[in-house]
Protein backbone atom coordinates (compact mmCIF):
# COMPACT_ATOMS: atom_id res chain seq x y z
CA MET A 1 -22.50 -27.28 11.59
CA THR A 2 -23.32 -24.20 9.52
CA LEU A 3 -22.47 -23.85 5.84
CA ILE A 4 -19.73 -21.34 6.66
CA GLU A 5 -18.21 -23.74 9.18
CA GLN A 6 -18.25 -26.49 6.56
CA LEU A 7 -16.52 -24.33 3.95
CA LEU A 8 -14.06 -22.47 6.17
CA ARG A 9 -10.43 -23.58 6.37
CA PRO A 10 -10.07 -25.49 9.67
CA ASP A 11 -6.80 -23.70 10.49
CA ILE A 12 -8.50 -20.30 10.08
CA ALA A 13 -11.39 -21.39 12.28
CA ALA A 14 -8.88 -22.32 14.99
CA LEU A 15 -6.65 -19.26 14.51
CA GLU A 16 -6.24 -16.93 17.48
CA ALA A 17 -7.10 -13.37 16.45
CA TYR A 18 -4.46 -10.66 16.66
CA THR A 19 -5.33 -8.01 19.24
CA PRO A 20 -4.74 -4.48 17.92
CA VAL A 21 -5.02 -1.35 20.03
CA ALA A 22 -8.28 0.60 19.91
CA PRO A 23 -8.37 4.08 18.31
CA ILE A 24 -8.25 7.02 20.66
CA GLU A 25 -11.72 8.32 19.74
CA VAL A 26 -13.28 4.98 20.72
CA LEU A 27 -11.38 4.96 24.02
CA SER A 28 -12.46 8.54 24.63
CA ALA A 29 -16.09 7.47 24.41
CA GLN A 30 -15.50 4.43 26.63
CA LEU A 31 -13.75 6.44 29.33
CA GLY A 32 -15.98 9.49 29.11
CA LEU A 33 -12.91 11.69 28.78
CA PRO A 34 -12.08 14.27 26.10
CA VAL A 35 -9.50 13.04 23.59
CA GLU A 36 -7.02 15.69 24.73
CA GLN A 37 -7.06 14.25 28.26
CA ILE A 38 -6.09 10.75 27.13
CA MET A 39 -2.42 9.78 27.08
CA LYS A 40 -2.06 7.14 24.38
CA LEU A 41 1.14 5.31 25.28
CA ASP A 42 0.15 1.83 24.10
CA ALA A 43 1.11 1.56 20.42
CA ASN A 44 4.63 3.02 20.02
CA GLU A 45 3.31 5.91 17.94
CA SER A 46 5.01 9.29 17.72
CA PRO A 47 3.73 11.70 20.38
CA TYR A 48 4.50 14.59 18.02
CA GLY A 49 2.75 13.47 14.84
CA PRO A 50 3.98 14.07 11.29
CA SER A 51 6.48 16.70 10.26
CA PRO A 52 5.18 20.12 9.15
CA ARG A 53 6.02 19.32 5.53
CA ALA A 54 4.15 16.03 5.68
CA ALA A 55 1.09 17.73 7.17
CA ALA A 56 1.25 20.38 4.43
CA ALA A 57 1.51 17.72 1.72
CA ILE A 58 -1.62 15.98 2.96
CA ASP A 59 -3.45 19.30 3.25
CA ALA A 60 -2.53 20.18 -0.33
CA LEU A 61 -3.95 16.93 -1.65
CA GLY A 62 -7.24 17.87 -0.04
CA GLY A 63 -7.33 21.21 -1.80
CA GLY A 64 -5.40 23.24 0.74
CA LYS A 65 -2.17 25.17 0.25
CA PRO A 66 0.14 24.22 -2.65
CA LEU A 67 2.57 21.41 -1.98
CA ALA A 68 6.05 22.20 -0.79
CA GLU A 69 8.68 22.39 -3.52
CA SER A 70 10.10 19.02 -2.49
CA VAL A 71 6.90 17.19 -3.50
CA GLN A 72 5.41 19.48 -6.14
CA PHE A 73 5.48 16.73 -8.75
CA LEU A 74 2.60 15.11 -6.85
CA GLU A 75 0.38 18.17 -7.11
CA PRO A 76 -1.39 17.12 -10.35
CA LEU A 77 -2.39 13.84 -8.69
CA ALA A 78 -5.84 14.56 -7.36
CA LEU A 79 -7.44 12.13 -4.94
CA ALA A 80 -9.49 10.81 -7.86
CA ILE A 81 -6.40 9.45 -9.65
CA TYR A 82 -4.83 6.07 -8.93
CA PRO A 83 -1.47 6.30 -7.12
CA ASP A 84 1.88 5.37 -8.66
CA PRO A 85 2.02 1.55 -8.48
CA THR A 86 5.83 1.50 -8.56
CA HIS A 87 6.36 4.37 -6.07
CA THR A 88 9.01 5.81 -8.39
CA PHE A 89 9.79 9.08 -6.64
CA LEU A 90 9.48 7.60 -3.16
CA ARG A 91 11.94 4.82 -3.93
CA GLU A 92 14.38 7.38 -5.33
CA ARG A 93 14.22 9.38 -2.09
CA LEU A 94 14.47 6.22 -0.01
CA SER A 95 17.58 5.28 -1.96
CA ASN A 96 19.22 8.49 -0.74
CA TYR A 97 17.99 7.84 2.80
CA THR A 98 19.08 4.19 3.04
CA GLY A 99 22.12 4.09 0.77
CA GLN A 100 20.58 1.21 -1.19
CA PRO A 101 19.68 1.51 -4.89
CA ALA A 102 16.02 2.06 -5.74
CA GLU A 103 15.99 -1.34 -7.47
CA ARG A 104 16.30 -3.01 -4.06
CA ILE A 105 13.44 -1.06 -2.47
CA LEU A 106 9.78 -2.09 -2.33
CA CYS A 107 7.25 0.20 -0.64
CA SER A 108 4.25 -1.12 1.23
CA SER A 109 1.12 -0.35 3.17
CA GLY A 110 3.01 -0.55 6.45
CA SER A 111 5.71 -3.12 7.08
CA GLY A 112 2.94 -5.60 7.90
CA GLU A 113 2.19 -5.92 4.20
CA LEU A 114 5.79 -6.97 3.60
CA ILE A 115 5.56 -9.68 6.25
CA ASP A 116 2.54 -11.04 4.41
CA LEU A 117 4.23 -10.75 0.99
CA LEU A 118 7.26 -12.69 2.19
CA MET A 119 5.01 -15.46 3.42
CA ARG A 120 3.10 -15.48 0.13
CA ALA A 121 6.41 -15.82 -1.69
CA PHE A 122 7.96 -18.56 0.46
CA ILE A 123 5.36 -20.43 2.50
CA GLN A 124 3.30 -23.40 1.43
CA PRO A 125 1.06 -25.15 4.00
CA GLY A 126 3.23 -26.97 6.51
CA ASP A 127 6.43 -25.02 5.79
CA VAL A 128 8.29 -23.85 8.89
CA ILE A 129 8.68 -20.31 10.18
CA LEU A 130 11.14 -19.73 13.01
CA ASP A 131 9.92 -17.28 15.66
CA CYS A 132 11.74 -16.06 18.78
CA PRO A 133 9.17 -15.07 21.40
CA PRO A 134 8.42 -12.91 23.11
CA THR A 135 8.48 -10.74 20.01
CA PHE A 136 6.19 -8.94 17.56
CA GLY A 137 3.02 -10.99 17.33
CA MET A 138 2.40 -10.45 13.61
CA TYR A 139 5.07 -12.97 12.59
CA ALA A 140 3.24 -15.88 14.19
CA PHE A 141 -0.17 -14.44 13.31
CA ASP A 142 0.61 -14.15 9.59
CA GLY A 143 2.27 -17.55 9.72
CA GLY A 144 -1.01 -18.98 10.91
CA LEU A 145 -2.87 -17.29 8.06
CA HIS A 146 -0.56 -19.03 5.60
CA ALA A 147 -0.85 -22.43 7.33
CA ALA A 148 2.81 -22.41 8.29
CA ARG A 149 4.22 -24.48 11.13
CA ILE A 150 5.59 -22.09 13.74
CA VAL A 151 8.70 -23.30 15.57
CA ASN A 152 9.52 -21.19 18.60
CA VAL A 153 13.02 -20.55 19.94
CA PRO A 154 12.27 -18.70 23.19
CA ARG A 155 14.45 -15.85 24.39
CA ASP A 156 16.23 -16.04 27.73
CA ALA A 157 15.16 -14.37 30.98
CA ALA A 158 16.64 -11.05 29.83
CA PHE A 159 14.91 -11.46 26.43
CA GLU A 160 18.22 -11.96 24.64
CA LEU A 161 18.21 -14.13 21.53
CA ASP A 162 19.66 -17.62 22.02
CA VAL A 163 21.74 -17.65 18.84
CA GLU A 164 23.02 -21.19 19.35
CA ALA A 165 19.47 -22.47 19.80
CA VAL A 166 18.41 -20.66 16.62
CA VAL A 167 21.28 -22.25 14.69
CA ALA A 168 20.30 -25.69 15.98
CA ALA A 169 16.63 -25.10 15.14
CA VAL A 170 17.47 -24.09 11.57
CA HIS A 171 19.46 -27.28 11.04
CA THR A 172 16.73 -29.40 12.64
CA HIS A 173 13.57 -27.85 11.19
CA ARG A 174 14.80 -26.26 7.94
CA PRO A 175 12.59 -23.15 8.19
CA LYS A 176 11.87 -21.05 5.14
CA LEU A 177 11.79 -17.81 7.17
CA LEU A 178 13.42 -16.54 10.36
CA PHE A 179 11.97 -13.30 11.76
CA LEU A 180 14.07 -11.01 13.97
CA ALA A 181 12.79 -7.69 15.33
CA VAL A 182 15.85 -5.48 15.93
CA PRO A 183 15.42 -3.85 18.44
CA ASN A 184 12.97 -6.44 19.64
CA ASN A 185 9.36 -5.51 20.27
CA PRO A 186 8.06 -5.45 23.00
CA THR A 187 11.31 -5.81 24.95
CA GLY A 188 13.49 -3.15 23.31
CA ASN A 189 16.77 -5.05 23.33
CA PRO A 190 19.16 -4.98 20.33
CA LEU A 191 20.85 -7.83 18.49
CA PRO A 192 24.56 -7.52 17.73
CA ARG A 193 25.47 -7.26 14.07
CA ALA A 194 27.84 -10.22 14.42
CA ALA A 195 24.93 -12.42 15.52
CA ILE A 196 22.88 -11.42 12.47
CA GLU A 197 25.83 -12.08 10.17
CA ARG A 198 26.22 -15.55 11.66
CA LEU A 199 22.54 -16.30 11.13
CA LEU A 200 22.82 -15.14 7.53
CA ASP A 201 25.20 -18.05 6.94
CA LEU A 202 22.33 -20.44 7.60
CA PRO A 203 20.14 -21.93 4.83
CA THR A 204 17.09 -19.78 5.57
CA MET A 205 15.65 -16.37 4.73
CA VAL A 206 16.51 -13.93 7.54
CA VAL A 207 14.00 -11.11 7.92
CA VAL A 208 15.32 -8.27 10.07
CA ASP A 209 12.49 -5.97 11.14
CA GLU A 210 14.04 -2.54 11.75
CA ALA A 211 10.83 -0.73 12.70
CA TYR A 212 12.71 1.19 15.41
CA VAL A 213 16.02 1.69 13.63
CA GLU A 214 15.92 5.49 13.89
CA PHE A 215 15.85 5.17 17.69
CA ALA A 216 18.51 2.47 17.83
CA GLY A 217 21.00 3.81 15.26
CA ALA A 218 22.34 0.37 14.23
CA THR A 219 21.32 -1.30 10.97
CA VAL A 220 22.24 -4.15 8.65
CA ALA A 221 20.71 -2.47 5.61
CA ASP A 222 24.16 -2.18 4.02
CA LEU A 223 24.33 -5.99 3.81
CA VAL A 224 21.30 -6.39 1.56
CA GLY A 225 23.25 -6.35 -1.70
CA GLN A 226 25.78 -8.85 -0.34
CA ARG A 227 23.38 -11.34 1.23
CA PRO A 228 20.54 -12.62 -0.98
CA ASN A 229 18.84 -14.24 2.03
CA LEU A 230 18.55 -10.95 3.97
CA ALA A 231 15.41 -8.82 3.99
CA VAL A 232 15.23 -5.58 5.98
CA LEU A 233 11.83 -4.11 6.86
CA ARG A 234 11.25 -0.45 7.75
CA THR A 235 8.30 1.81 8.56
CA PHE A 236 7.32 5.48 8.70
CA SER A 237 4.93 4.77 11.59
CA LYS A 238 7.28 5.39 14.52
CA TRP A 239 9.94 8.00 13.69
CA ALA A 240 7.92 9.93 11.09
CA GLY A 241 4.55 9.93 12.84
CA LEU A 242 2.63 8.38 9.92
CA ALA A 243 1.13 5.31 11.60
CA GLY A 244 -2.37 6.30 10.48
CA LEU A 245 -1.38 6.39 6.81
CA ARG A 246 0.17 2.88 6.75
CA ILE A 247 3.42 3.39 4.89
CA GLY A 248 6.56 1.27 5.04
CA TYR A 249 9.24 -0.21 2.82
CA GLY A 250 11.64 -3.10 2.56
CA LEU A 251 15.15 -3.65 1.26
CA PHE A 252 15.63 -6.84 -0.73
CA HIS A 253 18.30 -8.43 -2.91
CA GLU A 254 17.58 -8.41 -6.63
CA ALA A 255 17.18 -12.20 -6.60
CA LEU A 256 14.12 -11.82 -4.34
CA ILE A 257 12.57 -8.44 -5.09
CA GLN A 258 11.65 -9.40 -8.66
CA HIS A 259 9.27 -12.00 -7.26
CA LEU A 260 7.80 -9.69 -4.61
CA TRP A 261 6.90 -7.18 -7.34
CA LYS A 262 4.86 -9.91 -9.04
CA ILE A 263 2.66 -10.59 -6.01
CA LYS A 264 2.10 -7.19 -4.40
CA GLN A 265 -1.20 -5.43 -4.97
CA PRO A 266 -0.76 -2.90 -7.83
CA TYR A 267 -1.98 0.21 -6.00
CA ASN A 268 -1.00 -0.75 -2.49
CA ILE A 269 -0.05 2.74 -1.22
CA ASN A 270 -2.53 5.58 -1.46
CA VAL A 271 -1.68 9.05 -2.76
CA ALA A 272 -1.76 10.69 0.68
CA ALA A 273 0.66 8.15 2.17
CA GLN A 274 3.11 8.58 -0.69
CA ALA A 275 2.94 12.37 -0.46
CA ALA A 276 3.44 12.34 3.31
CA ALA A 277 6.37 9.91 3.10
CA LEU A 278 8.08 12.03 0.43
CA ALA A 279 7.60 15.15 2.50
CA SER A 280 8.95 13.36 5.58
CA LEU A 281 12.12 12.45 3.70
CA ALA A 282 12.47 16.13 2.84
CA ASP A 283 12.10 16.95 6.55
CA VAL A 284 14.51 14.41 8.03
CA ASP A 285 16.39 16.95 10.16
CA TYR A 286 13.15 18.01 11.88
CA LEU A 287 12.01 14.43 12.44
CA MET A 288 15.36 13.23 13.73
CA GLY A 289 15.32 16.13 16.15
CA ARG A 290 12.04 14.72 17.47
CA VAL A 291 13.61 11.27 17.60
CA GLN A 292 16.39 12.62 19.78
CA GLU A 293 13.79 14.13 22.11
CA VAL A 294 12.09 10.74 22.42
CA ILE A 295 15.43 9.05 23.13
CA ALA A 296 16.21 11.61 25.83
CA GLU A 297 12.79 11.00 27.37
CA ARG A 298 13.30 7.24 27.21
CA GLU A 299 16.53 7.53 29.18
CA ARG A 300 14.98 9.94 31.68
CA VAL A 301 11.93 7.73 32.26
CA TYR A 302 14.13 4.63 32.47
CA ALA A 303 16.26 6.24 35.19
CA ARG A 304 13.18 7.24 37.15
CA LEU A 305 11.57 3.81 36.86
CA ARG A 306 14.71 2.17 38.21
CA THR A 307 14.05 3.97 41.51
CA LEU A 308 10.62 2.36 41.96
CA ALA A 309 10.59 -0.76 44.10
CA GLY A 310 7.37 -2.10 42.61
CA VAL A 311 8.59 -2.59 39.03
CA HIS A 312 11.59 -3.83 37.10
CA VAL A 313 12.31 -1.87 33.92
CA TYR A 314 14.31 -3.30 31.02
CA PRO A 315 16.76 -1.19 29.01
CA SER A 316 15.55 -0.35 25.52
CA GLN A 317 16.86 0.99 22.24
CA ALA A 318 13.39 1.67 20.84
CA ASN A 319 10.75 4.31 21.65
CA PHE A 320 9.19 2.31 24.48
CA LEU A 321 10.06 0.59 27.75
CA LEU A 322 8.99 -2.78 29.11
CA LEU A 323 8.16 -3.00 32.83
CA ARG A 324 7.67 -6.08 34.96
CA ALA A 325 5.28 -5.70 37.89
CA LEU A 326 6.94 -7.15 40.97
CA ASN A 327 4.34 -6.85 43.71
CA SER A 328 1.08 -6.50 41.81
CA SER A 329 -0.83 -7.77 38.79
CA ALA A 330 0.32 -6.25 35.50
CA LEU A 331 -3.22 -6.53 34.14
CA GLN A 332 -4.58 -4.71 37.18
CA LEU A 333 -1.88 -2.07 36.75
CA LYS A 334 -2.85 -1.59 33.12
CA ASN A 335 -6.52 -1.26 34.07
CA ASP A 336 -5.78 1.19 36.89
CA LEU A 337 -3.80 3.38 34.51
CA TYR A 338 -6.57 3.08 31.92
CA ARG A 339 -9.10 4.48 34.37
CA ARG A 340 -6.82 7.49 34.76
CA GLY A 341 -6.78 8.02 30.99
CA ILE A 342 -3.26 6.57 30.58
CA LEU A 343 -3.11 3.80 27.99
CA VAL A 344 -0.31 1.21 28.11
CA ARG A 345 0.00 -2.22 26.49
CA TYR A 346 -0.50 -5.47 28.37
CA PHE A 347 0.50 -8.79 26.78
CA ASN A 348 -1.15 -11.94 28.04
CA LYS A 349 1.67 -14.06 26.60
CA PRO A 350 4.22 -16.46 28.09
CA GLY A 351 7.10 -14.51 29.58
CA LEU A 352 5.11 -11.26 29.46
CA ASP A 353 2.06 -12.00 31.61
CA ASP A 354 3.37 -9.78 34.41
CA CYS A 355 4.61 -7.02 32.08
CA ILE A 356 3.33 -3.80 30.57
CA ARG A 357 4.89 -1.77 27.76
CA VAL A 358 4.77 2.00 27.73
CA SER A 359 5.52 4.14 24.68
CA MET A 360 7.38 7.38 25.19
CA GLY A 361 5.12 10.41 25.07
CA THR A 362 5.80 14.08 25.51
CA PRO A 363 7.62 15.11 28.71
CA ALA A 364 4.30 16.14 30.26
CA GLN A 365 2.68 12.81 29.36
CA ASN A 366 5.64 10.87 30.71
CA ASP A 367 5.55 12.83 33.96
CA ALA A 368 1.84 12.04 34.35
CA PHE A 369 2.52 8.35 33.72
CA LEU A 370 5.36 8.28 36.22
CA ALA A 371 3.29 10.00 38.90
CA ALA A 372 0.37 7.62 38.40
CA LEU A 373 2.59 4.55 38.33
CA GLU A 374 4.45 5.58 41.47
CA ALA A 375 1.16 6.06 43.30
CA LEU A 376 -0.04 2.62 42.19
CA VAL A 377 3.07 0.51 42.88
CA ASP A 378 4.97 2.43 45.55
CA GLY A 379 2.20 4.41 47.15
C-alpha cells in the first residue's frame, strides 16, 4: 500500500467519480470535425449563448466597449481587482427577478456550489441524505464526498416521485436533507406544488433544485420566507446561456442563510460572471424570448419522436427530452450519433440504461438529430 493510499479517506478511495461531459473543442479533436459541425446536445446548455448585453459586459471587462448603462457600476472593477464577496448589486437585481428580498439570496459558482454548501452546513459522517433516482447525479456524488449515508427512494416506471414512500423514508431514516429536482433531470417531469408542500411538513430540509424553472414556469420560491426548511436552487446556465461562467444562486430562509454566509468561500464568483449575470437580468425579455423558442422546439421534437417506432419519448417541462430505445442499445445509439457529430447523453444507471437524453438545440440542429435518429432506429 502506498503512502497516499494509507493517508486517503477510505470512503474517498471507494467513491465513484462523477462523469461530466467533455468540452466541445476536445470532442472536435477526437472526431476530426470542425467545432461548427458538432451539435452539442448532451449538457442542457443554451443553443443560443448569452444575451447581447451579457456578451457586451464580458467584452467590456476585457478592455472592449464600455459597459451597458445597466451594469456601468462594474466598469471600474478591472480584472485585477477582487470581486464583490457579497454580490450586492446582483442580489438586488435577483430580488426584483424572484420576488424575494436580497437578504434571502446567496449567489454561487453554479448551483453545484450550493449543494456542497448545504452538505457542509448539515452533514456529519453517517448522516442521511434522501435521494430519488433517477435524478441529478450531483446529490449522491456530493453526499459521498461528505461521507453521508444515501437512502434512495426510487421513482416509478414513469419517473414520478413516490411521495408516500418519501414520507415513510423520512420517518424511518430521519434524513438531514431531501433533494428534489423540479423538473427532474434527466427525465423532465414536474412535481406538483401540493406534493412539495406536503414534504415541507416533514422534519427534514427540503432542497428544491429549480435549474429549469424558466422552461417549466412553476416555482415554490414564494414559500421560502414561510418555510424555514425550504431551499430553492437556481442557475444562469440553462436559460441565460452562462454555463461556462458558473453562476447560480439560492433562496434561503433567514434562519439558514446566516450560516451559509459563514462557510462560503469569500470570493466565490468572479467579476466576469457577476457582470454577465447582471447584464442578463437587464436583458430578461430577450432571454425569455429564446426560452420560448426552446420550448416550442421541445414540443415540436417531442411530437416528431412520438411517431418513431424505435423509441419511447417522455414528456418534459425542461429544455431536454429523455428517450428510451426500444429495439436497440441506447449506448450503441449514442455512439452512432456521436460518429455523426451529434452529442447526446447516455446514463449507465439503473432505470436509465436503455435511455439517452437530448438537449434542445436550434431548429436546424434538432432537424439533423431527428433525421439521424430516424435513420438509426426506423431505417
